[in-house]
Amino acid sequence: QDIKIQLRSLKRGCHIVVGTPGRIQD
């Protein structure tokens, strides 16, 4: 998935993250 989408979600603030280990590490 486009990492920019994820960066926006994380910057906005989120309570729950569901992810794969590789991208979480990134």
mmCIF file of all heavy atoms, coordinates in Angstrom:
data_MODEL
# 
_entry.id   MODEL 
# 
loop_
_atom_site.group_PDB 
_atom_site.id 
_atom_site.type_symbol 
_atom_site.label_atom_id 
_atom_site.label_alt_id 
_atom_site.label_comp_id 
_atom_site.label_asym_id 
_atom_site.label_entity_id 
_atom_site.label_seq_id 
_atom_site.pdbx_PDB_ins_code 
_atom_site.Cartn_x 
_atom_site.Cartn_y 
_atom_site.Cartn_z 
_atom_site.occupancy 
_atom_site.B_iso_or_equiv 
_atom_site.pdbx_formal_charge 
_atom_site.auth_seq_id 
_atom_site.auth_comp_id 
_atom_site.auth_asym_id 
_atom_site.auth_atom_id 
_atom_site.pdbx_PDB_model_num 
ATOM 1   N N   . GLN A 1 1  ? 0.849  -1.186 0.000  1.00 0.00 ? 1  GLN A N   1 
ATOM 2   C CA  . GLN A 1 1  ? 0.000  0.000  0.000  1.00 0.00 ? 1  GLN A CA  1 
ATOM 3   C C   . GLN A 1 1  ? 0.889  1.242  0.000  1.00 0.00 ? 1  GLN A C   1 
ATOM 4   O O   . GLN A 1 1  ? 1.984  1.227  0.573  1.00 0.00 ? 1  GLN A O   1 
ATOM 5   C CB  . GLN A 1 1  ? -0.904 0.024  1.234  1.00 0.00 ? 1  GLN A CB  1 
ATOM 6   C CG  . GLN A 1 1  ? -1.895 1.190  1.264  1.00 0.00 ? 1  GLN A CG  1 
ATOM 7   C CD  . GLN A 1 1  ? -2.612 1.308  2.605  1.00 0.00 ? 1  GLN A CD  1 
ATOM 8   O OE1 . GLN A 1 1  ? -1.982 1.327  3.654  1.00 0.00 ? 1  GLN A OE1 1 
ATOM 9   N NE2 . GLN A 1 1  ? -3.936 1.379  2.571  1.00 0.00 ? 1  GLN A NE2 1 
ATOM 10  N N   . ASP A 1 2  ? 0.433  2.301  -0.638 1.00 0.00 ? 2  ASP A N   1 
ATOM 11  C CA  . ASP A 1 2  ? 1.183  3.559  -0.659 1.00 0.00 ? 2  ASP A CA  1 
ATOM 12  C C   . ASP A 1 2  ? 1.482  3.991  0.777  1.00 0.00 ? 2  ASP A C   1 
ATOM 13  O O   . ASP A 1 2  ? 0.567  4.201  1.582  1.00 0.00 ? 2  ASP A O   1 
ATOM 14  C CB  . ASP A 1 2  ? 0.359  4.635  -1.368 1.00 0.00 ? 2  ASP A CB  1 
ATOM 15  C CG  . ASP A 1 2  ? 1.136  5.941  -1.586 1.00 0.00 ? 2  ASP A CG  1 
ATOM 16  O OD1 . ASP A 1 2  ? 2.187  6.123  -0.940 1.00 0.00 ? 2  ASP A OD1 1 
ATOM 17  O OD2 . ASP A 1 2  ? 0.677  6.766  -2.389 1.00 0.00 ? 2  ASP A OD2 1 
ATOM 18  N N   . ILE A 1 3  ? 2.763  4.137  1.086  1.00 0.00 ? 3  ILE A N   1 
ATOM 19  C CA  . ILE A 1 3  ? 3.154  4.451  2.464  1.00 0.00 ? 3  ILE A CA  1 
ATOM 20  C C   . ILE A 1 3  ? 2.670  5.838  2.888  1.00 0.00 ? 3  ILE A C   1 
ATOM 21  O O   . ILE A 1 3  ? 2.486  6.104  4.082  1.00 0.00 ? 3  ILE A O   1 
ATOM 22  C CB  . ILE A 1 3  ? 4.685  4.321  2.638  1.00 0.00 ? 3  ILE A CB  1 
ATOM 23  C CG1 . ILE A 1 3  ? 5.036  4.191  4.134  1.00 0.00 ? 3  ILE A CG1 1 
ATOM 24  C CG2 . ILE A 1 3  ? 5.404  5.487  1.989  1.00 0.00 ? 3  ILE A CG2 1 
ATOM 25  C CD1 . ILE A 1 3  ? 6.443  3.718  4.389  1.00 0.00 ? 3  ILE A CD1 1 
ATOM 26  N N   . LYS A 1 4  ? 2.408  6.719  1.917  1.00 0.00 ? 4  LYS A N   1 
ATOM 27  C CA  . LYS A 1 4  ? 1.912  8.061  2.260  1.00 0.00 ? 4  LYS A CA  1 
ATOM 28  C C   . LYS A 1 4  ? 0.547  7.998  2.934  1.00 0.00 ? 4  LYS A C   1 
ATOM 29  O O   . LYS A 1 4  ? 0.242  8.791  3.831  1.00 0.00 ? 4  LYS A O   1 
ATOM 30  C CB  . LYS A 1 4  ? 1.846  8.930  1.005  1.00 0.00 ? 4  LYS A CB  1 
ATOM 31  C CG  . LYS A 1 4  ? 3.207  9.269  0.411  1.00 0.00 ? 4  LYS A CG  1 
ATOM 32  C CD  . LYS A 1 4  ? 3.063  10.110 -0.851 1.00 0.00 ? 4  LYS A CD  1 
ATOM 33  C CE  . LYS A 1 4  ? 4.434  10.403 -1.468 1.00 0.00 ? 4  LYS A CE  1 
ATOM 34  N NZ  . LYS A 1 4  ? 4.307  11.172 -2.725 1.00 0.00 ? 4  LYS A NZ  1 
ATOM 35  N N   . ILE A 1 5  ? -0.279 7.045  2.496  1.00 0.00 ? 5  ILE A N   1 
ATOM 36  C CA  . ILE A 1 5  ? -1.605 6.858  3.118  1.00 0.00 ? 5  ILE A CA  1 
ATOM 37  C C   . ILE A 1 5  ? -1.427 6.479  4.582  1.00 0.00 ? 5  ILE A C   1 
ATOM 38  O O   . ILE A 1 5  ? -2.116 6.994  5.468  1.00 0.00 ? 5  ILE A O   1 
ATOM 39  C CB  . ILE A 1 5  ? -2.395 5.767  2.370  1.00 0.00 ? 5  ILE A CB  1 
ATOM 40  C CG1 . ILE A 1 5  ? -2.677 6.196  0.926  1.00 0.00 ? 5  ILE A CG1 1 
ATOM 41  C CG2 . ILE A 1 5  ? -3.696 5.431  3.105  1.00 0.00 ? 5  ILE A CG2 1 
ATOM 42  C CD1 . ILE A 1 5  ? -3.297 5.118  0.072  1.00 0.00 ? 5  ILE A CD1 1 
ATOM 43  N N   . GLN A 1 6  ? -0.478 5.574  4.828  1.00 0.00 ? 6  GLN A N   1 
ATOM 44  C CA  . GLN A 1 6  ? -0.227 5.123  6.191  1.00 0.00 ? 6  GLN A CA  1 
ATOM 45  C C   . GLN A 1 6  ? 0.363  6.236  7.047  1.00 0.00 ? 6  GLN A C   1 
ATOM 46  O O   . GLN A 1 6  ? 0.000  6.392  8.221  1.00 0.00 ? 6  GLN A O   1 
ATOM 47  C CB  . GLN A 1 6  ? 0.695  3.901  6.166  1.00 0.00 ? 6  GLN A CB  1 
ATOM 48  C CG  . GLN A 1 6  ? 0.095  2.726  5.406  1.00 0.00 ? 6  GLN A CG  1 
ATOM 49  C CD  . GLN A 1 6  ? 1.077  1.606  5.173  1.00 0.00 ? 6  GLN A CD  1 
ATOM 50  O OE1 . GLN A 1 6  ? 2.210  1.641  5.657  1.00 0.00 ? 6  GLN A OE1 1 
ATOM 51  N NE2 . GLN A 1 6  ? 0.642  0.583  4.441  1.00 0.00 ? 6  GLN A NE2 1 
ATOM 52  N N   . LEU A 1 7  ? 1.256  7.009  6.461  1.00 0.00 ? 7  LEU A N   1 
ATOM 53  C CA  . LEU A 1 7  ? 1.858  8.117  7.205  1.00 0.00 ? 7  LEU A CA  1 
ATOM 54  C C   . LEU A 1 7  ? 0.803  9.142  7.632  1.00 0.00 ? 7  LEU A C   1 
ATOM 55  O O   . LEU A 1 7  ? 0.851  9.660  8.751  1.00 0.00 ? 7  LEU A O   1 
ATOM 56  C CB  . LEU A 1 7  ? 2.939  8.794  6.355  1.00 0.00 ? 7  LEU A CB  1 
ATOM 57  C CG  . LEU A 1 7  ? 4.237  7.993  6.148  1.00 0.00 ? 7  LEU A CG  1 
ATOM 58  C CD1 . LEU A 1 7  ? 5.097  8.638  5.073  1.00 0.00 ? 7  LEU A CD1 1 
ATOM 59  C CD2 . LEU A 1 7  ? 5.002  7.862  7.459  1.00 0.00 ? 7  LEU A CD2 1 
ATOM 60  N N   . ARG A 1 8  ? -0.153 9.416  6.742  1.00 0.00 ? 8  ARG A N   1 
ATOM 61  C CA  . ARG A 1 8  ? -1.228 10.357 7.095  1.00 0.00 ? 8  ARG A CA  1 
ATOM 62  C C   . ARG A 1 8  ? -2.069 9.814  8.253  1.00 0.00 ? 8  ARG A C   1 
ATOM 63  O O   . ARG A 1 8  ? -2.441 10.557 9.167  1.00 0.00 ? 8  ARG A O   1 
ATOM 64  C CB  . ARG A 1 8  ? -2.106 10.629 5.873  1.00 0.00 ? 8  ARG A CB  1 
ATOM 65  C CG  . ARG A 1 8  ? -1.485 11.565 4.864  1.00 0.00 ? 8  ARG A CG  1 
ATOM 66  C CD  . ARG A 1 8  ? -2.528 12.132 3.892  1.00 0.00 ? 8  ARG A CD  1 
ATOM 67  N NE  . ARG A 1 8  ? -3.140 11.086 3.083  1.00 0.00 ? 8  ARG A NE  1 
ATOM 68  C CZ  . ARG A 1 8  ? -2.677 10.695 1.898  1.00 0.00 ? 8  ARG A CZ  1 
ATOM 69  N NH1 . ARG A 1 8  ? -1.589 11.259 1.397  1.00 0.00 ? 8  ARG A NH1 1 
ATOM 70  N NH2 . ARG A 1 8  ? -3.302 9.756  1.216  1.00 0.00 ? 8  ARG A NH2 1 
ATOM 71  N N   . SER A 1 9  ? -2.392 8.521  8.201  1.00 0.00 ? 9  SER A N   1 
ATOM 72  C CA  . SER A 1 9  ? -3.196 7.906  9.270  1.00 0.00 ? 9  SER A CA  1 
ATOM 73  C C   . SER A 1 9  ? -2.479 7.971  10.609 1.00 0.00 ? 9  SER A C   1 
ATOM 74  O O   . SER A 1 9  ? -3.078 8.300  11.642 1.00 0.00 ? 9  SER A O   1 
ATOM 75  C CB  . SER A 1 9  ? -3.510 6.449  8.930  1.00 0.00 ? 9  SER A CB  1 
ATOM 76  O OG  . SER A 1 9  ? -4.324 6.361  7.789  1.00 0.00 ? 9  SER A OG  1 
ATOM 77  N N   . LEU A 1 10 ? -1.185 7.684  10.590 1.00 0.00 ? 10 LEU A N   1 
ATOM 78  C CA  . LEU A 1 10 ? -0.417 7.681  11.833 1.00 0.00 ? 10 LEU A CA  1 
ATOM 79  C C   . LEU A 1 10 ? -0.224 9.094  12.372 1.00 0.00 ? 10 LEU A C   1 
ATOM 80  O O   . LEU A 1 10 ? -0.260 9.312  13.589 1.00 0.00 ? 10 LEU A O   1 
ATOM 81  C CB  . LEU A 1 10 ? 0.940  7.004  11.606 1.00 0.00 ? 10 LEU A CB  1 
ATOM 82  C CG  . LEU A 1 10 ? 0.880  5.504  11.292 1.00 0.00 ? 10 LEU A CG  1 
ATOM 83  C CD1 . LEU A 1 10 ? 2.247  4.996  10.868 1.00 0.00 ? 10 LEU A CD1 1 
ATOM 84  C CD2 . LEU A 1 10 ? 0.377  4.720  12.505 1.00 0.00 ? 10 LEU A CD2 1 
ATOM 85  N N   . LYS A 1 11 ? -0.031 10.055 11.477 1.00 0.00 ? 11 LYS A N   1 
ATOM 86  C CA  . LYS A 1 11 ? 0.152  11.449 11.910 1.00 0.00 ? 11 LYS A CA  1 
ATOM 87  C C   . LYS A 1 11 ? -1.136 12.002 12.518 1.00 0.00 ? 11 LYS A C   1 
ATOM 88  O O   . LYS A 1 11 ? -1.105 12.761 13.498 1.00 0.00 ? 11 LYS A O   1 
ATOM 89  C CB  . LYS A 1 11 ? 0.591  12.304 10.721 1.00 0.00 ? 11 LYS A CB  1 
ATOM 90  C CG  . LYS A 1 11 ? 0.961  13.728 11.106 1.00 0.00 ? 11 LYS A CG  1 
ATOM 91  C CD  . LYS A 1 11 ? 1.497  14.507 9.909  1.00 0.00 ? 11 LYS A CD  1 
ATOM 92  C CE  . LYS A 1 11 ? 1.882  15.924 10.329 1.00 0.00 ? 11 LYS A CE  1 
ATOM 93  N NZ  . LYS A 1 11 ? 2.429  16.709 9.178  1.00 0.00 ? 11 LYS A NZ  1 
ATOM 94  N N   . ARG A 1 12 ? -2.283 11.615 11.926 1.00 0.00 ? 12 ARG A N   1 
ATOM 95  C CA  . ARG A 1 12 ? -3.583 12.072 12.439 1.00 0.00 ? 12 ARG A CA  1 
ATOM 96  C C   . ARG A 1 12 ? -3.822 11.555 13.854 1.00 0.00 ? 12 ARG A C   1 
ATOM 97  O O   . ARG A 1 12 ? -4.469 12.203 14.679 1.00 0.00 ? 12 ARG A O   1 
ATOM 98  C CB  . ARG A 1 12 ? -4.694 11.566 11.505 1.00 0.00 ? 12 ARG A CB  1 
ATOM 99  C CG  . ARG A 1 12 ? -6.115 11.898 11.950 1.00 0.00 ? 12 ARG A CG  1 
ATOM 100 C CD  . ARG A 1 12 ? -7.116 11.060 11.164 1.00 0.00 ? 12 ARG A CD  1 
ATOM 101 N NE  . ARG A 1 12 ? -6.947 9.643  11.449 1.00 0.00 ? 12 ARG A NE  1 
ATOM 102 C CZ  . ARG A 1 12 ? -7.461 8.673  10.700 1.00 0.00 ? 12 ARG A CZ  1 
ATOM 103 N NH1 . ARG A 1 12 ? -8.123 8.969  9.614  1.00 0.00 ? 12 ARG A NH1 1 
ATOM 104 N NH2 . ARG A 1 12 ? -7.267 7.416  11.046 1.00 0.00 ? 12 ARG A NH2 1 
ATOM 105 N N   . GLY A 1 13 ? -3.283 10.376 14.130 1.00 0.00 ? 13 GLY A N   1 
ATOM 106 C CA  . GLY A 1 13 ? -3.487 9.742  15.430 1.00 0.00 ? 13 GLY A CA  1 
ATOM 107 C C   . GLY A 1 13 ? -4.414 8.553  15.302 1.00 0.00 ? 13 GLY A C   1 
ATOM 108 O O   . GLY A 1 13 ? -5.493 8.682  14.725 1.00 0.00 ? 13 GLY A O   1 
ATOM 109 N N   . CYS A 1 14 ? -3.985 7.418  15.786 1.00 0.00 ? 14 CYS A N   1 
ATOM 110 C CA  . CYS A 1 14 ? -4.849 6.239  15.731 1.00 0.00 ? 14 CYS A CA  1 
ATOM 111 C C   . CYS A 1 14 ? -4.657 5.414  17.000 1.00 0.00 ? 14 CYS A C   1 
ATOM 112 O O   . CYS A 1 14 ? -3.597 5.442  17.632 1.00 0.00 ? 14 CYS A O   1 
ATOM 113 C CB  . CYS A 1 14 ? -4.569 5.402  14.490 1.00 0.00 ? 14 CYS A CB  1 
ATOM 114 S SG  . CYS A 1 14 ? -2.907 4.751  14.381 1.00 0.00 ? 14 CYS A SG  1 
ATOM 115 N N   . HIS A 1 15 ? -5.703 4.700  17.360 1.00 0.00 ? 15 HIS A N   1 
ATOM 116 C CA  . HIS A 1 15 ? -5.702 3.931  18.599 1.00 0.00 ? 15 HIS A CA  1 
ATOM 117 C C   . HIS A 1 15 ? -5.229 2.496  18.391 1.00 0.00 ? 15 HIS A C   1 
ATOM 118 O O   . HIS A 1 15 ? -4.648 1.890  19.291 1.00 0.00 ? 15 HIS A O   1 
ATOM 119 C CB  . HIS A 1 15 ? -7.118 3.892  19.190 1.00 0.00 ? 15 HIS A CB  1 
ATOM 120 C CG  . HIS A 1 15 ? -7.711 5.244  19.434 1.00 0.00 ? 15 HIS A CG  1 
ATOM 121 N ND1 . HIS A 1 15 ? -8.533 5.884  18.525 1.00 0.00 ? 15 HIS A ND1 1 
ATOM 122 C CD2 . HIS A 1 15 ? -7.582 6.104  20.485 1.00 0.00 ? 15 HIS A CD2 1 
ATOM 123 C CE1 . HIS A 1 15 ? -8.904 7.064  19.005 1.00 0.00 ? 15 HIS A CE1 1 
ATOM 124 N NE2 . HIS A 1 15 ? -8.345 7.223  20.198 1.00 0.00 ? 15 HIS A NE2 1 
ATOM 125 N N   . ILE A 1 16 ? -5.513 1.952  17.208 1.00 0.00 ? 16 ILE A N   1 
ATOM 126 C CA  . ILE A 1 16 ? -5.211 0.550  16.925 1.00 0.00 ? 16 ILE A CA  1 
ATOM 127 C C   . ILE A 1 16 ? -4.429 0.466  15.621 1.00 0.00 ? 16 ILE A C   1 
ATOM 128 O O   . ILE A 1 16 ? -4.826 1.025  14.608 1.00 0.00 ? 16 ILE A O   1 
ATOM 129 C CB  . ILE A 1 16 ? -6.508 -0.282 16.793 1.00 0.00 ? 16 ILE A CB  1 
ATOM 130 C CG1 . ILE A 1 16 ? -7.344 -0.187 18.074 1.00 0.00 ? 16 ILE A CG1 1 
ATOM 131 C CG2 . ILE A 1 16 ? -6.181 -1.745 16.472 1.00 0.00 ? 16 ILE A CG2 1 
ATOM 132 C CD1 . ILE A 1 16 ? -8.725 -0.828 17.951 1.00 0.00 ? 16 ILE A CD1 1 
ATOM 133 N N   . VAL A 1 17 ? -3.317 -0.246 15.659 1.00 0.00 ? 17 VAL A N   1 
ATOM 134 C CA  . VAL A 1 17 ? -2.546 -0.521 14.448 1.00 0.00 ? 17 VAL A CA  1 
ATOM 135 C C   . VAL A 1 17 ? -2.575 -2.030 14.201 1.00 0.00 ? 17 VAL A C   1 
ATOM 136 O O   . VAL A 1 17 ? -2.295 -2.827 15.102 1.00 0.00 ? 17 VAL A O   1 
ATOM 137 C CB  . VAL A 1 17 ? -1.083 -0.032 14.579 1.00 0.00 ? 17 VAL A CB  1 
ATOM 138 C CG1 . VAL A 1 17 ? -0.202 -0.659 13.497 1.00 0.00 ? 17 VAL A CG1 1 
ATOM 139 C CG2 . VAL A 1 17 ? -1.035 1.481  14.485 1.00 0.00 ? 17 VAL A CG2 1 
ATOM 140 N N   . VAL A 1 18 ? -2.954 -2.403 12.981 1.00 0.00 ? 18 VAL A N   1 
ATOM 141 C CA  . VAL A 1 18 ? -2.934 -3.807 12.555 1.00 0.00 ? 18 VAL A CA  1 
ATOM 142 C C   . VAL A 1 18 ? -1.969 -3.901 11.390 1.00 0.00 ? 18 VAL A C   1 
ATOM 143 O O   . VAL A 1 18 ? -2.164 -3.225 10.365 1.00 0.00 ? 18 VAL A O   1 
ATOM 144 C CB  . VAL A 1 18 ? -4.331 -4.286 12.109 1.00 0.00 ? 18 VAL A CB  1 
ATOM 145 C CG1 . VAL A 1 18 ? -4.285 -5.768 11.738 1.00 0.00 ? 18 VAL A CG1 1 
ATOM 146 C CG2 . VAL A 1 18 ? -5.366 -4.032 13.198 1.00 0.00 ? 18 VAL A CG2 1 
ATOM 147 N N   . GLY A 1 19 ? -0.918 -4.684 11.526 1.00 0.00 ? 19 GLY A N   1 
ATOM 148 C CA  . GLY A 1 19 ? 0.064  -4.677 10.449 1.00 0.00 ? 19 GLY A CA  1 
ATOM 149 C C   . GLY A 1 19 ? 0.955  -5.883 10.372 1.00 0.00 ? 19 GLY A C   1 
ATOM 150 O O   . GLY A 1 19 ? 0.921  -6.777 11.223 1.00 0.00 ? 19 GLY A O   1 
ATOM 151 N N   . THR A 1 20 ? 1.748  -5.915 9.307  1.00 0.00 ? 20 THR A N   1 
ATOM 152 C CA  . THR A 1 20 ? 2.736  -6.964 9.105  1.00 0.00 ? 20 THR A CA  1 
ATOM 153 C C   . THR A 1 20 ? 4.065  -6.523 9.720  1.00 0.00 ? 20 THR A C   1 
ATOM 154 O O   . THR A 1 20 ? 4.377  -5.322 9.745  1.00 0.00 ? 20 THR A O   1 
ATOM 155 C CB  . THR A 1 20 ? 2.922  -7.243 7.612  1.00 0.00 ? 20 THR A CB  1 
ATOM 156 O OG1 . THR A 1 20 ? 3.179  -6.000 6.925  1.00 0.00 ? 20 THR A OG1 1 
ATOM 157 C CG2 . THR A 1 20 ? 1.661  -7.869 7.016  1.00 0.00 ? 20 THR A CG2 1 
ATOM 158 N N   . PRO A 1 21 ? 4.872  -7.471 10.213 1.00 0.00 ? 21 PRO A N   1 
ATOM 159 C CA  . PRO A 1 21 ? 6.106  -7.095 10.918 1.00 0.00 ? 21 PRO A CA  1 
ATOM 160 C C   . PRO A 1 21 ? 7.049  -6.233 10.094 1.00 0.00 ? 21 PRO A C   1 
ATOM 161 O O   . PRO A 1 21 ? 7.637  -5.281 10.615 1.00 0.00 ? 21 PRO A O   1 
ATOM 162 C CB  . PRO A 1 21 ? 6.737  -8.452 11.252 1.00 0.00 ? 21 PRO A CB  1 
ATOM 163 C CG  . PRO A 1 21 ? 5.580  -9.392 11.337 1.00 0.00 ? 21 PRO A CG  1 
ATOM 164 C CD  . PRO A 1 21 ? 4.615  -8.927 10.291 1.00 0.00 ? 21 PRO A CD  1 
ATOM 165 N N   . GLY A 1 22 ? 7.198  -6.538 8.800  1.00 0.00 ? 22 GLY A N   1 
ATOM 166 C CA  . GLY A 1 22 ? 8.129  -5.775 7.974  1.00 0.00 ? 22 GLY A CA  1 
ATOM 167 C C   . GLY A 1 22 ? 7.756  -4.317 7.863  1.00 0.00 ? 22 GLY A C   1 
ATOM 168 O O   . GLY A 1 22 ? 8.602  -3.426 8.039  1.00 0.00 ? 22 GLY A O   1 
ATOM 169 N N   . ARG A 1 23 ? 6.505  -4.018 7.570  1.00 0.00 ? 23 ARG A N   1 
ATOM 170 C CA  . ARG A 1 23 ? 6.082  -2.621 7.418  1.00 0.00 ? 23 ARG A CA  1 
ATOM 171 C C   . ARG A 1 23 ? 6.015  -1.913 8.777  1.00 0.00 ? 23 ARG A C   1 
ATOM 172 O O   . ARG A 1 23 ? 6.277  -0.709 8.853  1.00 0.00 ? 23 ARG A O   1 
ATOM 173 C CB  . ARG A 1 23 ? 4.733  -2.558 6.707  1.00 0.00 ? 23 ARG A CB  1 
ATOM 174 C CG  . ARG A 1 23 ? 4.218  -1.149 6.390  1.00 0.00 ? 23 ARG A CG  1 
ATOM 175 C CD  . ARG A 1 23 ? 5.213  -0.268 5.660  1.00 0.00 ? 23 ARG A CD  1 
ATOM 176 N NE  . ARG A 1 23 ? 5.488  -0.670 4.295  1.00 0.00 ? 23 ARG A NE  1 
ATOM 177 C CZ  . ARG A 1 23 ? 4.860  -0.197 3.229  1.00 0.00 ? 23 ARG A CZ  1 
ATOM 178 N NH1 . ARG A 1 23 ? 3.881  0.699  3.377  1.00 0.00 ? 23 ARG A NH1 1 
ATOM 179 N NH2 . ARG A 1 23 ? 5.208  -0.578 2.022  1.00 0.00 ? 23 ARG A NH2 1 
ATOM 180 N N   . ILE A 1 24 ? 5.662  -2.638 9.827  1.00 0.00 ? 24 ILE A N   1 
ATOM 181 C CA  . ILE A 1 24 ? 5.692  -2.044 11.175 1.00 0.00 ? 24 ILE A CA  1 
ATOM 182 C C   . ILE A 1 24 ? 7.118  -1.588 11.500 1.00 0.00 ? 24 ILE A C   1 
ATOM 183 O O   . ILE A 1 24 ? 7.346  -0.471 11.992 1.00 0.00 ? 24 ILE A O   1 
ATOM 184 C CB  . ILE A 1 24 ? 5.194  -3.047 12.232 1.00 0.00 ? 24 ILE A CB  1 
ATOM 185 C CG1 . ILE A 1 24 ? 3.720  -3.381 12.038 1.00 0.00 ? 24 ILE A CG1 1 
ATOM 186 C CG2 . ILE A 1 24 ? 5.456  -2.527 13.644 1.00 0.00 ? 24 ILE A CG2 1 
ATOM 187 C CD1 . ILE A 1 24 ? 2.763  -2.257 12.330 1.00 0.00 ? 24 ILE A CD1 1 
ATOM 188 N N   . GLN A 1 25 ? 8.101  -2.455 11.201 1.00 0.00 ? 25 GLN A N   1 
ATOM 189 C CA  . GLN A 1 25 ? 9.505  -2.106 11.429 1.00 0.00 ? 25 GLN A CA  1 
ATOM 190 C C   . GLN A 1 25 ? 9.899  -0.880 10.613 1.00 0.00 ? 25 GLN A C   1 
ATOM 191 O O   . GLN A 1 25 ? 10.635 -0.008 11.091 1.00 0.00 ? 25 GLN A O   1 
ATOM 192 C CB  . GLN A 1 25 ? 10.403 -3.290 11.036 1.00 0.00 ? 25 GLN A CB  1 
ATOM 193 C CG  . GLN A 1 25 ? 10.435 -4.401 12.063 1.00 0.00 ? 25 GLN A CG  1 
ATOM 194 C CD  . GLN A 1 25 ? 11.560 -4.194 13.055 1.00 0.00 ? 25 GLN A CD  1 
ATOM 195 O OE1 . GLN A 1 25 ? 11.614 -3.172 13.744 1.00 0.00 ? 25 GLN A OE1 1 
ATOM 196 N NE2 . GLN A 1 25 ? 12.449 -5.157 13.153 1.00 0.00 ? 25 GLN A NE2 1 
ATOM 197 N N   . ASP A 1 26 ? 9.429  -0.817 9.394  1.00 0.00 ? 26 ASP A N   1 
ATOM 198 C CA  . ASP A 1 26 ? 9.732  0.328  8.517  1.00 0.00 ? 26 ASP A CA  1 
ATOM 199 C C   . ASP A 1 26 ? 9.271  1.633  9.162  1.00 0.00 ? 26 ASP A C   1 
ATOM 200 O O   . ASP A 1 26 ? 10.017 2.615  9.216  1.00 0.00 ? 26 ASP A O   1 
ATOM 201 C CB  . ASP A 1 26 ? 9.032  0.119  7.165  1.00 0.00 ? 26 ASP A CB  1 
ATOM 202 C CG  . ASP A 1 26 ? 9.471  1.127  6.117  1.00 0.00 ? 26 ASP A CG  1 
ATOM 203 O OD1 . ASP A 1 26 ? 10.384 1.926  6.403  1.00 0.00 ? 26 ASP A OD1 1 
ATOM 204 O OD2 . ASP A 1 26 ? 8.903  1.116  5.006  1.00 0.00 ? 26 ASP A OD2 1 
# 
